[in-house]
N, C-alpha and C. Protein backbone atom coordinates (compact mmCIF):
# COMPACT_ATOMS: atom_id res chain seq x y z
N GLN A 1 110.12 71.63 80.50
CA GLN A 1 110.11 73.06 80.73
C GLN A 1 108.74 73.61 80.36
N VAL A 2 108.22 74.47 81.20
CA VAL A 2 106.92 75.08 80.97
C VAL A 2 107.10 76.59 80.97
N GLN A 3 106.51 77.23 80.01
CA GLN A 3 106.50 78.69 79.99
C GLN A 3 105.08 79.17 80.24
N LEU A 4 104.95 80.16 81.10
CA LEU A 4 103.65 80.72 81.47
C LEU A 4 103.59 82.17 81.02
N VAL A 5 102.56 82.49 80.25
CA VAL A 5 102.40 83.85 79.75
C VAL A 5 101.07 84.39 80.26
N GLN A 6 101.16 85.49 80.99
CA GLN A 6 100.00 86.08 81.62
C GLN A 6 99.42 87.22 80.79
N SER A 7 98.12 87.43 80.97
CA SER A 7 97.45 88.58 80.38
C SER A 7 96.33 89.01 81.31
N GLY A 8 95.80 90.19 81.04
CA GLY A 8 94.77 90.74 81.91
C GLY A 8 95.38 91.74 82.87
N GLY A 9 94.66 92.09 83.88
CA GLY A 9 95.14 93.07 84.82
C GLY A 9 94.83 94.48 84.36
N GLY A 10 95.31 95.45 85.12
CA GLY A 10 95.08 96.85 84.77
C GLY A 10 94.58 97.64 85.96
N LEU A 11 93.94 98.77 85.65
CA LEU A 11 93.44 99.68 86.67
C LEU A 11 91.92 99.59 86.73
N VAL A 12 91.37 99.47 87.93
CA VAL A 12 89.93 99.36 88.11
C VAL A 12 89.54 100.06 89.40
N GLN A 13 88.32 100.56 89.44
CA GLN A 13 87.84 101.18 90.66
C GLN A 13 87.40 100.13 91.66
N ALA A 14 87.41 100.49 92.91
CA ALA A 14 86.96 99.59 93.96
C ALA A 14 85.56 99.09 93.65
N GLY A 15 85.37 97.79 93.86
CA GLY A 15 84.10 97.16 93.54
C GLY A 15 84.02 96.58 92.15
N GLY A 16 85.00 96.90 91.33
CA GLY A 16 85.02 96.42 89.96
C GLY A 16 85.57 95.00 89.84
N SER A 17 85.69 94.55 88.59
CA SER A 17 86.12 93.20 88.31
C SER A 17 87.23 93.18 87.26
N LEU A 18 88.07 92.18 87.36
CA LEU A 18 89.10 91.91 86.36
C LEU A 18 89.26 90.41 86.24
N ARG A 19 89.73 89.97 85.09
CA ARG A 19 90.07 88.56 84.91
C ARG A 19 91.50 88.44 84.42
N LEU A 20 92.27 87.64 85.14
CA LEU A 20 93.63 87.33 84.73
C LEU A 20 93.65 85.98 84.04
N SER A 21 94.49 85.87 83.01
CA SER A 21 94.67 84.61 82.30
C SER A 21 96.14 84.24 82.30
N CYS A 22 96.39 82.97 82.24
CA CYS A 22 97.77 82.46 82.21
C CYS A 22 97.79 81.25 81.29
N VAL A 23 98.49 81.38 80.18
CA VAL A 23 98.57 80.30 79.19
C VAL A 23 99.90 79.59 79.34
N ALA A 24 99.84 78.27 79.39
CA ALA A 24 101.05 77.46 79.56
C ALA A 24 101.43 76.79 78.25
N SER A 25 102.73 76.69 78.03
CA SER A 25 103.23 75.95 76.88
C SER A 25 103.30 74.47 77.25
N GLY A 26 103.46 73.62 76.25
CA GLY A 26 103.66 72.21 76.51
C GLY A 26 102.38 71.41 76.51
N ARG A 27 102.53 70.09 76.57
CA ARG A 27 101.40 69.17 76.44
C ARG A 27 100.97 68.57 77.76
N THR A 28 101.61 68.98 78.86
CA THR A 28 101.31 68.35 80.14
C THR A 28 100.59 69.29 81.09
N PHE A 29 99.93 70.30 80.56
CA PHE A 29 99.30 71.30 81.41
C PHE A 29 98.34 70.65 82.39
N SER A 30 97.57 69.68 81.92
CA SER A 30 96.56 69.07 82.79
C SER A 30 97.17 68.34 83.98
N SER A 31 98.45 68.04 83.92
CA SER A 31 99.13 67.35 85.02
C SER A 31 99.64 68.29 86.10
N TYR A 32 99.61 69.58 85.83
CA TYR A 32 100.14 70.55 86.77
C TYR A 32 99.06 71.14 87.67
N ALA A 33 99.40 71.29 88.94
CA ALA A 33 98.63 72.17 89.80
C ALA A 33 98.99 73.60 89.43
N MET A 34 98.00 74.48 89.48
CA MET A 34 98.21 75.87 89.11
C MET A 34 97.81 76.77 90.26
N ALA A 35 98.46 77.91 90.33
CA ALA A 35 98.17 78.83 91.44
C ALA A 35 98.39 80.27 91.01
N TRP A 36 97.83 81.15 91.80
CA TRP A 36 98.06 82.58 91.67
C TRP A 36 98.63 83.11 92.99
N PHE A 37 99.65 83.93 92.86
CA PHE A 37 100.25 84.63 93.99
C PHE A 37 100.22 86.12 93.67
N ARG A 38 100.45 86.93 94.69
CA ARG A 38 100.54 88.37 94.47
C ARG A 38 101.59 88.97 95.40
N GLN A 39 102.12 90.09 94.97
CA GLN A 39 103.10 90.80 95.78
C GLN A 39 102.83 92.29 95.69
N ALA A 40 102.51 92.87 96.82
CA ALA A 40 102.29 94.32 96.91
C ALA A 40 103.60 95.00 97.24
N PRO A 41 103.72 96.28 96.91
CA PRO A 41 104.97 97.01 97.20
C PRO A 41 105.34 96.93 98.68
N GLY A 42 106.58 96.55 98.94
CA GLY A 42 107.06 96.50 100.31
C GLY A 42 106.58 95.29 101.10
N LYS A 43 105.88 94.38 100.44
CA LYS A 43 105.36 93.21 101.14
C LYS A 43 105.90 91.93 100.52
N GLU A 44 105.81 90.85 101.25
CA GLU A 44 106.23 89.56 100.73
C GLU A 44 105.18 89.00 99.78
N ARG A 45 105.65 88.12 98.91
CA ARG A 45 104.73 87.42 98.02
C ARG A 45 103.71 86.63 98.84
N GLU A 46 102.48 86.64 98.37
CA GLU A 46 101.36 86.05 99.12
C GLU A 46 100.59 85.09 98.23
N PHE A 47 100.27 83.92 98.77
CA PHE A 47 99.41 82.98 98.08
C PHE A 47 98.01 83.56 97.95
N VAL A 48 97.38 83.38 96.79
CA VAL A 48 96.02 83.87 96.58
C VAL A 48 95.05 82.72 96.36
N ALA A 49 95.37 81.84 95.40
CA ALA A 49 94.46 80.75 95.06
C ALA A 49 95.22 79.66 94.34
N ALA A 50 94.68 78.44 94.42
CA ALA A 50 95.28 77.32 93.71
C ALA A 50 94.18 76.37 93.25
N ILE A 51 94.52 75.60 92.21
CA ILE A 51 93.59 74.60 91.69
C ILE A 51 94.40 73.34 91.37
N SER A 52 93.89 72.21 91.81
CA SER A 52 94.63 70.96 91.64
C SER A 52 94.59 70.50 90.18
N SER A 53 95.45 69.56 89.88
CA SER A 53 95.55 69.08 88.50
C SER A 53 94.46 68.09 88.14
N SER A 54 94.00 67.32 89.09
CA SER A 54 93.10 66.22 88.77
C SER A 54 91.63 66.62 88.85
N VAL A 55 91.12 66.71 90.04
CA VAL A 55 89.69 67.00 90.19
C VAL A 55 89.39 68.49 90.21
N GLY A 56 90.42 69.31 90.12
CA GLY A 56 90.20 70.74 90.10
C GLY A 56 89.75 71.31 91.43
N ARG A 57 90.23 70.70 92.51
CA ARG A 57 89.91 71.24 93.84
C ARG A 57 90.57 72.60 93.99
N THR A 58 89.84 73.53 94.59
CA THR A 58 90.34 74.90 94.71
C THR A 58 90.63 75.29 96.15
N TYR A 59 91.57 76.21 96.28
CA TYR A 59 92.00 76.71 97.58
C TYR A 59 92.13 78.23 97.46
N TYR A 60 91.77 78.94 98.53
CA TYR A 60 91.85 80.40 98.52
C TYR A 60 92.36 80.92 99.84
N ILE A 61 93.04 82.04 99.77
CA ILE A 61 93.36 82.76 100.98
C ILE A 61 92.05 83.38 101.49
N ASP A 62 91.93 83.50 102.81
CA ASP A 62 90.66 83.94 103.39
C ASP A 62 90.19 85.30 102.84
N SER A 63 91.11 86.19 102.60
CA SER A 63 90.74 87.56 102.23
C SER A 63 90.10 87.65 100.84
N VAL A 64 90.18 86.61 100.03
CA VAL A 64 89.59 86.66 98.69
C VAL A 64 88.44 85.68 98.52
N LYS A 65 88.16 84.88 99.52
CA LYS A 65 87.07 83.91 99.43
C LYS A 65 85.75 84.64 99.18
N GLY A 66 84.98 84.12 98.22
CA GLY A 66 83.71 84.74 97.87
C GLY A 66 83.84 85.86 96.86
N ARG A 67 85.07 86.30 96.58
CA ARG A 67 85.28 87.39 95.61
C ARG A 67 86.06 86.91 94.39
N PHE A 68 87.05 86.05 94.60
CA PHE A 68 87.91 85.57 93.52
C PHE A 68 87.54 84.12 93.19
N THR A 69 87.70 83.76 91.92
CA THR A 69 87.48 82.39 91.50
C THR A 69 88.61 81.95 90.58
N ILE A 70 89.26 80.86 90.94
CA ILE A 70 90.29 80.28 90.08
C ILE A 70 89.64 79.14 89.29
N SER A 71 90.00 79.05 88.02
CA SER A 71 89.47 77.98 87.18
C SER A 71 90.52 77.64 86.14
N ARG A 72 90.33 76.51 85.48
CA ARG A 72 91.28 76.09 84.45
C ARG A 72 90.53 75.48 83.28
N ASP A 73 91.09 75.65 82.09
CA ASP A 73 90.58 75.04 80.87
C ASP A 73 91.74 74.25 80.28
N ASN A 74 91.75 72.96 80.54
CA ASN A 74 92.88 72.14 80.10
C ASN A 74 92.98 72.06 78.58
N ALA A 75 91.87 72.20 77.89
CA ALA A 75 91.91 72.18 76.42
C ALA A 75 92.63 73.40 75.86
N LYS A 76 92.63 74.47 76.63
CA LYS A 76 93.29 75.71 76.19
C LYS A 76 94.59 75.96 76.95
N ASN A 77 95.01 75.03 77.79
CA ASN A 77 96.24 75.21 78.58
C ASN A 77 96.21 76.52 79.36
N THR A 78 95.07 76.86 79.91
CA THR A 78 94.90 78.17 80.52
C THR A 78 94.30 78.06 81.92
N VAL A 79 94.82 78.88 82.81
CA VAL A 79 94.23 79.05 84.13
C VAL A 79 93.79 80.51 84.25
N TYR A 80 92.67 80.70 84.92
CA TYR A 80 92.08 82.03 85.07
C TYR A 80 91.96 82.40 86.54
N LEU A 81 91.95 83.70 86.78
CA LEU A 81 91.59 84.22 88.10
C LEU A 81 90.57 85.33 87.86
N GLN A 82 89.32 85.02 88.16
CA GLN A 82 88.26 86.01 88.07
C GLN A 82 88.19 86.75 89.39
N MET A 83 88.33 88.05 89.34
CA MET A 83 88.38 88.86 90.55
C MET A 83 87.21 89.83 90.54
N ASN A 84 86.31 89.64 91.47
CA ASN A 84 85.14 90.52 91.62
C ASN A 84 85.22 91.25 92.95
N GLY A 85 84.48 92.32 93.06
CA GLY A 85 84.47 93.06 94.31
C GLY A 85 85.85 93.51 94.74
N LEU A 86 86.63 93.98 93.79
CA LEU A 86 88.01 94.34 94.09
C LEU A 86 88.11 95.48 95.10
N LYS A 87 89.14 95.38 95.93
CA LYS A 87 89.39 96.37 96.98
C LYS A 87 90.78 96.97 96.77
N PRO A 88 91.01 98.17 97.28
CA PRO A 88 92.35 98.76 97.14
C PRO A 88 93.46 97.85 97.68
N GLU A 89 93.18 97.09 98.71
CA GLU A 89 94.19 96.20 99.27
C GLU A 89 94.51 95.00 98.38
N ASP A 90 93.76 94.83 97.29
CA ASP A 90 94.09 93.80 96.31
C ASP A 90 95.15 94.28 95.33
N THR A 91 95.52 95.54 95.40
CA THR A 91 96.54 96.08 94.50
C THR A 91 97.87 95.36 94.70
N ALA A 92 98.40 94.83 93.62
CA ALA A 92 99.64 94.06 93.68
C ALA A 92 100.02 93.62 92.26
N VAL A 93 101.22 93.08 92.16
CA VAL A 93 101.59 92.34 90.95
C VAL A 93 101.17 90.89 91.18
N TYR A 94 100.43 90.36 90.23
CA TYR A 94 99.92 89.00 90.34
C TYR A 94 100.73 88.07 89.45
N TYR A 95 101.05 86.89 89.98
CA TYR A 95 101.84 85.90 89.27
C TYR A 95 101.09 84.57 89.22
N CYS A 96 101.10 83.92 88.07
CA CYS A 96 100.62 82.55 88.02
C CYS A 96 101.82 81.61 88.19
N ALA A 97 101.54 80.41 88.65
CA ALA A 97 102.61 79.45 88.91
C ALA A 97 102.11 78.04 88.62
N ALA A 98 103.03 77.17 88.24
CA ALA A 98 102.71 75.77 87.94
C ALA A 98 103.64 74.85 88.71
N GLY A 99 103.07 73.76 89.21
CA GLY A 99 103.88 72.80 89.94
C GLY A 99 103.26 71.42 89.89
N TRP A 100 103.99 70.43 90.31
CA TRP A 100 103.51 69.05 90.25
C TRP A 100 102.55 68.71 91.38
N GLU A 101 102.61 69.49 92.46
CA GLU A 101 101.72 69.25 93.59
C GLU A 101 101.03 70.56 93.96
N THR A 102 99.80 70.47 94.42
CA THR A 102 99.10 71.66 94.90
C THR A 102 99.76 72.12 96.20
N ALA A 103 100.11 73.38 96.26
CA ALA A 103 100.79 73.91 97.44
C ALA A 103 100.27 75.31 97.73
N LEU A 104 100.40 75.72 98.97
CA LEU A 104 99.98 77.06 99.38
C LEU A 104 101.19 77.97 99.59
N ARG A 105 102.36 77.48 99.24
CA ARG A 105 103.58 78.26 99.37
C ARG A 105 104.26 78.37 98.03
N GLY A 106 104.93 79.46 97.82
CA GLY A 106 105.59 79.69 96.54
C GLY A 106 106.66 78.68 96.21
N ASP A 107 107.35 78.17 97.24
CA ASP A 107 108.42 77.21 96.95
C ASP A 107 107.90 75.85 96.52
N GLY A 108 106.58 75.71 96.49
CA GLY A 108 105.98 74.48 95.98
C GLY A 108 105.77 74.49 94.48
N TYR A 109 106.14 75.58 93.81
CA TYR A 109 105.90 75.71 92.38
C TYR A 109 107.22 75.89 91.64
N ASP A 110 107.24 75.31 90.45
CA ASP A 110 108.48 75.26 89.68
C ASP A 110 108.55 76.31 88.57
N TYR A 111 107.41 76.75 88.09
CA TYR A 111 107.38 77.66 86.95
C TYR A 111 106.49 78.85 87.29
N TRP A 112 106.91 80.01 86.78
CA TRP A 112 106.23 81.26 87.11
C TRP A 112 105.99 82.09 85.87
N GLY A 113 104.85 82.80 85.87
CA GLY A 113 104.58 83.76 84.83
C GLY A 113 105.35 85.05 85.06
N GLN A 114 105.21 85.97 84.13
CA GLN A 114 106.00 87.21 84.16
C GLN A 114 105.43 88.26 85.11
N GLY A 115 104.23 88.05 85.58
CA GLY A 115 103.61 89.01 86.48
C GLY A 115 102.78 90.04 85.73
N THR A 116 101.69 90.47 86.36
CA THR A 116 100.84 91.49 85.77
C THR A 116 100.31 92.39 86.88
N GLN A 117 100.30 93.68 86.62
CA GLN A 117 99.91 94.63 87.64
C GLN A 117 98.39 94.74 87.71
N VAL A 118 97.89 94.70 88.93
CA VAL A 118 96.47 94.98 89.22
C VAL A 118 96.45 96.15 90.20
N THR A 119 95.78 97.22 89.80
CA THR A 119 95.68 98.40 90.64
C THR A 119 94.21 98.72 90.86
N VAL A 120 93.82 98.82 92.12
CA VAL A 120 92.44 99.11 92.48
C VAL A 120 92.40 100.47 93.17
N SER A 121 91.69 101.39 92.56
CA SER A 121 91.60 102.74 93.12
C SER A 121 90.38 102.85 94.04
N SER A 122 90.52 103.70 95.04
CA SER A 122 89.42 103.86 96.01
C SER A 122 88.46 104.97 95.57
């Protein structure tokens, strides 16, 4: 069983930056692929970024490429999402997720964080 606890998020003006963190419990963090998803009001959950467990290969949805960076620190059991150049359309609740395989769909992940609100004002 893995528990994911998120921090970060908040309100920022367009063009600003935020960093989300997600700390995992347990000793097998380095074995998990990690990802970030988001869900805006009235919309379906959307894949944002993922990072593999082994070589740390990263994947991004097109709309955040060049602006967001996913990274992990296995010594701290933590995955990060650095968000730069934020836009109002990035406003959503963001969730971190952990799974045994890197996936671009939510059903590929077994454990989820509690969610954190990111609001970008225009």
